[in-house]
Amino acid sequence: MNNIHHTYPKATANAIDCLKVCLKRLEKGIIELQNGNIDSFMDIQRQQNIAFANFKALDYLASTQGQDLNLIEEAKELVSQVMKLQNKSNTILANTLSKHKLQLEKISKGKQGICNYKQSAKIIKFLTKT
């Protein structure tokens, strides 16, 4: 790993570091999501969003200093990787939530069936008393 702080101005180097943090957090979040740890994924996702917000602020600061991250190959590659992983995590999350929704619907139908059974049992009990 090269020392980018000697290659680029400070704001640019820090922006690239933020992208690397985003990438690592997305990778970790995807693993948590694939393991079914949605709460852990959401915590990591919040941290990743903070890192990306820091990147955007540093990108703006770098642009005020005459640096354009869109012209730096390393930054372009990192942004591309972040976007790909973000799309992957969004897809996995949507699939996971869809599975959970189906499970909740099954539970709800089962619960409704139990309630219907209890209600019909009360009616039968009432009718047999009279």
C-alpha atoms as a PDB file:
ATOM      1  CA  MET A   1       0.000   0.000   0.000  1.00  0.00           C
ATOM      2  CA  ASN A   2       1.544   3.280  -1.073  1.00  0.00           C
ATOM      3  CA  ASN A   3       1.490   6.357   1.136  1.00  0.00           C
ATOM      4  CA  ILE A   4      -1.011   8.579  -0.648  1.00  0.00           C
ATOM      5  CA  HIS A   5      -0.415  11.394   1.817  1.00  0.00           C
ATOM      6  CA  HIS A   6       2.910  12.089   0.099  1.00  0.00           C
ATOM      7  CA  THR A   7       1.364  11.849  -3.374  1.00  0.00           C
ATOM      8  CA  TYR A   8      -1.712  14.088  -3.067  1.00  0.00           C
ATOM      9  CA  PRO A   9      -2.655  17.214  -1.112  1.00  0.00           C
ATOM     10  CA  LYS A  10      -4.088  16.474   2.345  1.00  0.00           C
ATOM     11  CA  ALA A  11      -7.810  16.880   1.496  1.00  0.00           C
ATOM     12  CA  THR A  12      -7.478  14.651  -1.558  1.00  0.00           C
ATOM     13  CA  ALA A  13      -5.545  11.974   0.320  1.00  0.00           C
ATOM     14  CA  ASN A  14      -8.073  12.052   3.163  1.00  0.00           C
ATOM     15  CA  ALA A  15     -10.960  11.769   0.685  1.00  0.00           C
ATOM     16  CA  ILE A  16      -9.347   8.675  -0.824  1.00  0.00           C
ATOM     17  CA  ASP A  17      -8.878   7.256   2.687  1.00  0.00           C
ATOM     18  CA  CYS A  18     -12.608   7.819   3.336  1.00  0.00           C
ATOM     19  CA  LEU A  19     -13.440   5.856   0.200  1.00  0.00           C
ATOM     20  CA  LYS A  20     -11.289   2.989   1.451  1.00  0.00           C
ATOM     21  CA  VAL A  21     -13.145   3.074   4.770  1.00  0.00           C
ATOM     22  CA  CYS A  22     -16.464   3.020   2.887  1.00  0.00           C
ATOM     23  CA  LEU A  23     -15.330  -0.010   0.937  1.00  0.00           C
ATOM     24  CA  LYS A  24     -14.247  -1.920   4.046  1.00  0.00           C
ATOM     25  CA  ARG A  25     -17.481  -1.114   5.852  1.00  0.00           C
ATOM     26  CA  LEU A  26     -19.576  -2.191   2.884  1.00  0.00           C
ATOM     27  CA  GLU A  27     -17.687  -5.485   2.686  1.00  0.00           C
ATOM     28  CA  LYS A  28     -18.197  -6.064   6.413  1.00  0.00           C
ATOM     29  CA  GLY A  29     -21.861  -5.076   6.167  1.00  0.00           C
ATOM     30  CA  ILE A  30     -22.501  -7.491   3.311  1.00  0.00           C
ATOM     31  CA  ILE A  31     -21.004 -10.339   5.348  1.00  0.00           C
ATOM     32  CA  GLU A  32     -23.266  -9.453   8.293  1.00  0.00           C
ATOM     33  CA  LEU A  33     -26.280  -9.253   6.004  1.00  0.00           C
ATOM     34  CA  GLN A  34     -25.496 -12.592   4.374  1.00  0.00           C
ATOM     35  CA  ASN A  35     -25.272 -14.096   7.870  1.00  0.00           C
ATOM     36  CA  GLY A  36     -28.727 -12.699   8.673  1.00  0.00           C
ATOM     37  CA  ASN A  37     -27.472 -10.083  11.143  1.00  0.00           C
ATOM     38  CA  ILE A  38     -29.682  -7.215  10.012  1.00  0.00           C
ATOM     39  CA  ASP A  39     -29.184  -5.101  13.146  1.00  0.00           C
ATOM     40  CA  SER A  40     -25.414  -5.357  12.841  1.00  0.00           C
ATOM     41  CA  PHE A  41     -25.681  -4.551   9.127  1.00  0.00           C
ATOM     42  CA  MET A  42     -27.738  -1.436   9.887  1.00  0.00           C
ATOM     43  CA  ASP A  43     -25.130  -0.232  12.416  1.00  0.00           C
ATOM     44  CA  ILE A  44     -22.352  -0.745   9.890  1.00  0.00           C
ATOM     45  CA  GLN A  45     -24.453   0.936   7.185  1.00  0.00           C
ATOM     46  CA  ARG A  46     -24.847   4.032   9.380  1.00  0.00           C
ATOM     47  CA  GLN A  47     -21.079   4.129   9.873  1.00  0.00           C
ATOM     48  CA  GLN A  48     -20.567   3.698   6.135  1.00  0.00           C
ATOM     49  CA  ASN A  49     -22.948   6.578   5.427  1.00  0.00           C
ATOM     50  CA  ILE A  50     -20.935   8.786   7.789  1.00  0.00           C
ATOM     51  CA  ALA A  51     -17.708   7.827   6.032  1.00  0.00           C
ATOM     52  CA  PHE A  52     -19.277   8.628   2.654  1.00  0.00           C
ATOM     53  CA  ALA A  53     -20.508  11.993   3.939  1.00  0.00           C
ATOM     54  CA  ASN A  54     -16.942  12.693   5.089  1.00  0.00           C
ATOM     55  CA  PHE A  55     -15.711  11.733   1.628  1.00  0.00           C
ATOM     56  CA  LYS A  56     -18.130  14.174  -0.017  1.00  0.00           C
ATOM     57  CA  ALA A  57     -17.024  16.986   2.301  1.00  0.00           C
ATOM     58  CA  LEU A  58     -13.357  16.257   1.635  1.00  0.00           C
ATOM     59  CA  ASP A  59     -14.026  15.990  -2.101  1.00  0.00           C
ATOM     60  CA  TYR A  60     -15.556  19.457  -1.975  1.00  0.00           C
ATOM     61  CA  LEU A  61     -12.611  20.771   0.053  1.00  0.00           C
ATOM     62  CA  ALA A  62     -10.185  19.230  -2.429  1.00  0.00           C
ATOM     63  CA  SER A  63     -12.071  20.861  -5.313  1.00  0.00           C
ATOM     64  CA  THR A  64     -11.707  24.270  -3.648  1.00  0.00           C
ATOM     65  CA  GLN A  65      -7.965  23.591  -3.627  1.00  0.00           C
ATOM     66  CA  GLY A  66      -7.947  22.800  -7.333  1.00  0.00           C
ATOM     67  CA  GLN A  67      -7.987  18.992  -7.046  1.00  0.00           C
ATOM     68  CA  ASP A  68     -10.541  17.012  -9.041  1.00  0.00           C
ATOM     69  CA  LEU A  69     -10.993  13.488  -7.696  1.00  0.00           C
ATOM     70  CA  ASN A  70     -12.730  12.548 -10.947  1.00  0.00           C
ATOM     71  CA  LEU A  71      -9.337  12.846 -12.623  1.00  0.00           C
ATOM     72  CA  ILE A  72      -7.532  10.581 -10.152  1.00  0.00           C
ATOM     73  CA  GLU A  73      -7.637   6.959 -11.262  1.00  0.00           C
ATOM     74  CA  GLU A  74      -7.400   5.522  -7.734  1.00  0.00           C
ATOM     75  CA  ALA A  75     -10.367   7.612  -6.576  1.00  0.00           C
ATOM     76  CA  LYS A  76     -12.447   6.701  -9.645  1.00  0.00           C
ATOM     77  CA  GLU A  77     -11.762   3.006  -9.082  1.00  0.00           C
ATOM     78  CA  LEU A  78     -12.668   3.233  -5.389  1.00  0.00           C
ATOM     79  CA  VAL A  79     -15.917   5.086  -6.145  1.00  0.00           C
ATOM     80  CA  SER A  80     -16.776   2.420  -8.705  1.00  0.00           C
ATOM     81  CA  GLN A  81     -16.118  -0.368  -6.190  1.00  0.00           C
ATOM     82  CA  VAL A  82     -18.149   1.435  -3.498  1.00  0.00           C
ATOM     83  CA  MET A  83     -21.094   1.856  -5.865  1.00  0.00           C
ATOM     84  CA  LYS A  84     -20.971  -1.812  -6.929  1.00  0.00           C
ATOM     85  CA  LEU A  85     -20.908  -3.002  -3.324  1.00  0.00           C
ATOM     86  CA  GLN A  86     -23.657  -0.554  -2.350  1.00  0.00           C
ATOM     87  CA  ASN A  87     -25.849  -1.965  -5.121  1.00  0.00           C
ATOM     88  CA  LYS A  88     -25.008  -5.508  -3.999  1.00  0.00           C
ATOM     89  CA  SER A  89     -25.880  -4.739  -0.375  1.00  0.00           C
ATOM     90  CA  ASN A  90     -29.142  -3.059  -1.468  1.00  0.00           C
ATOM     91  CA  THR A  91     -30.094  -6.172  -3.447  1.00  0.00           C
ATOM     92  CA  ILE A  92     -29.237  -8.531  -0.597  1.00  0.00           C
ATOM     93  CA  LEU A  93     -31.132  -6.332   1.873  1.00  0.00           C
ATOM     94  CA  ALA A  94     -34.204  -6.208  -0.370  1.00  0.00           C
ATOM     95  CA  ASN A  95     -34.152 -10.013  -0.732  1.00  0.00           C
ATOM     96  CA  THR A  96     -33.674 -10.483   3.009  1.00  0.00           C
ATOM     97  CA  LEU A  97     -36.496  -8.100   3.861  1.00  0.00           C
ATOM     98  CA  SER A  98     -38.736  -9.814   1.310  1.00  0.00           C
ATOM     99  CA  LYS A  99     -38.058 -13.188   2.965  1.00  0.00           C
ATOM    100  CA  HIS A 100     -38.797 -11.719   6.391  1.00  0.00           C
ATOM    101  CA  LYS A 101     -42.009 -10.170   5.085  1.00  0.00           C
ATOM    102  CA  LEU A 102     -43.159 -13.557   3.785  1.00  0.00           C
ATOM    103  CA  GLN A 103     -42.348 -15.150   7.143  1.00  0.00           C
ATOM    104  CA  LEU A 104     -44.295 -12.445   8.976  1.00  0.00           C
ATOM    105  CA  GLU A 105     -47.261 -12.961   6.664  1.00  0.00           C
ATOM    106  CA  LYS A 106     -47.199 -16.718   7.397  1.00  0.00           C
ATOM    107  CA  ILE A 107     -47.034 -16.031  11.126  1.00  0.00           C
ATOM    108  CA  SER A 108     -49.875 -13.543  10.846  1.00  0.00           C
ATOM    109  CA  LYS A 109     -52.035 -16.060   8.935  1.00  0.00           C
ATOM    110  CA  GLY A 110     -51.234 -18.734  11.514  1.00  0.00           C
ATOM    111  CA  LYS A 111     -52.095 -16.361  14.330  1.00  0.00           C
ATOM    112  CA  GLN A 112     -55.363 -15.472  12.589  1.00  0.00           C
ATOM    113  CA  GLY A 113     -56.142 -19.169  12.250  1.00  0.00           C
ATOM    114  CA  ILE A 114     -55.577 -19.675  15.970  1.00  0.00           C
ATOM    115  CA  CYS A 115     -57.811 -16.697  16.759  1.00  0.00           C
ATOM    116  CA  ASN A 116     -60.503 -18.059  14.432  1.00  0.00           C
ATOM    117  CA  TYR A 117     -60.240 -21.470  16.100  1.00  0.00           C
ATOM    118  CA  LYS A 118     -60.575 -19.950  19.584  1.00  0.00           C
ATOM    119  CA  GLN A 119     -63.554 -17.884  18.424  1.00  0.00           C
ATOM    120  CA  SER A 120     -65.270 -20.898  16.883  1.00  0.00           C
ATOM    121  CA  ALA A 121     -64.552 -22.947  20.017  1.00  0.00           C
ATOM    122  CA  LYS A 122     -66.255 -20.268  22.114  1.00  0.00           C
ATOM    123  CA  ILE A 123     -69.285 -20.303  19.798  1.00  0.00           C
ATOM    124  CA  ILE A 124     -69.490 -24.105  19.902  1.00  0.00           C
ATOM    125  CA  LYS A 125     -69.201 -24.043  23.690  1.00  0.00           C
ATOM    126  CA  PHE A 126     -71.931 -21.391  23.885  1.00  0.00           C
ATOM    127  CA  LEU A 127     -74.240 -23.328  21.531  1.00  0.00           C
ATOM    128  CA  THR A 128     -73.761 -26.590  23.399  1.00  0.00           C
ATOM    129  CA  LYS A 129     -74.710 -24.917  26.704  1.00  0.00           C
ATOM    130  CA  THR A 130     -78.097 -23.783  25.381  1.00  0.00           C
END
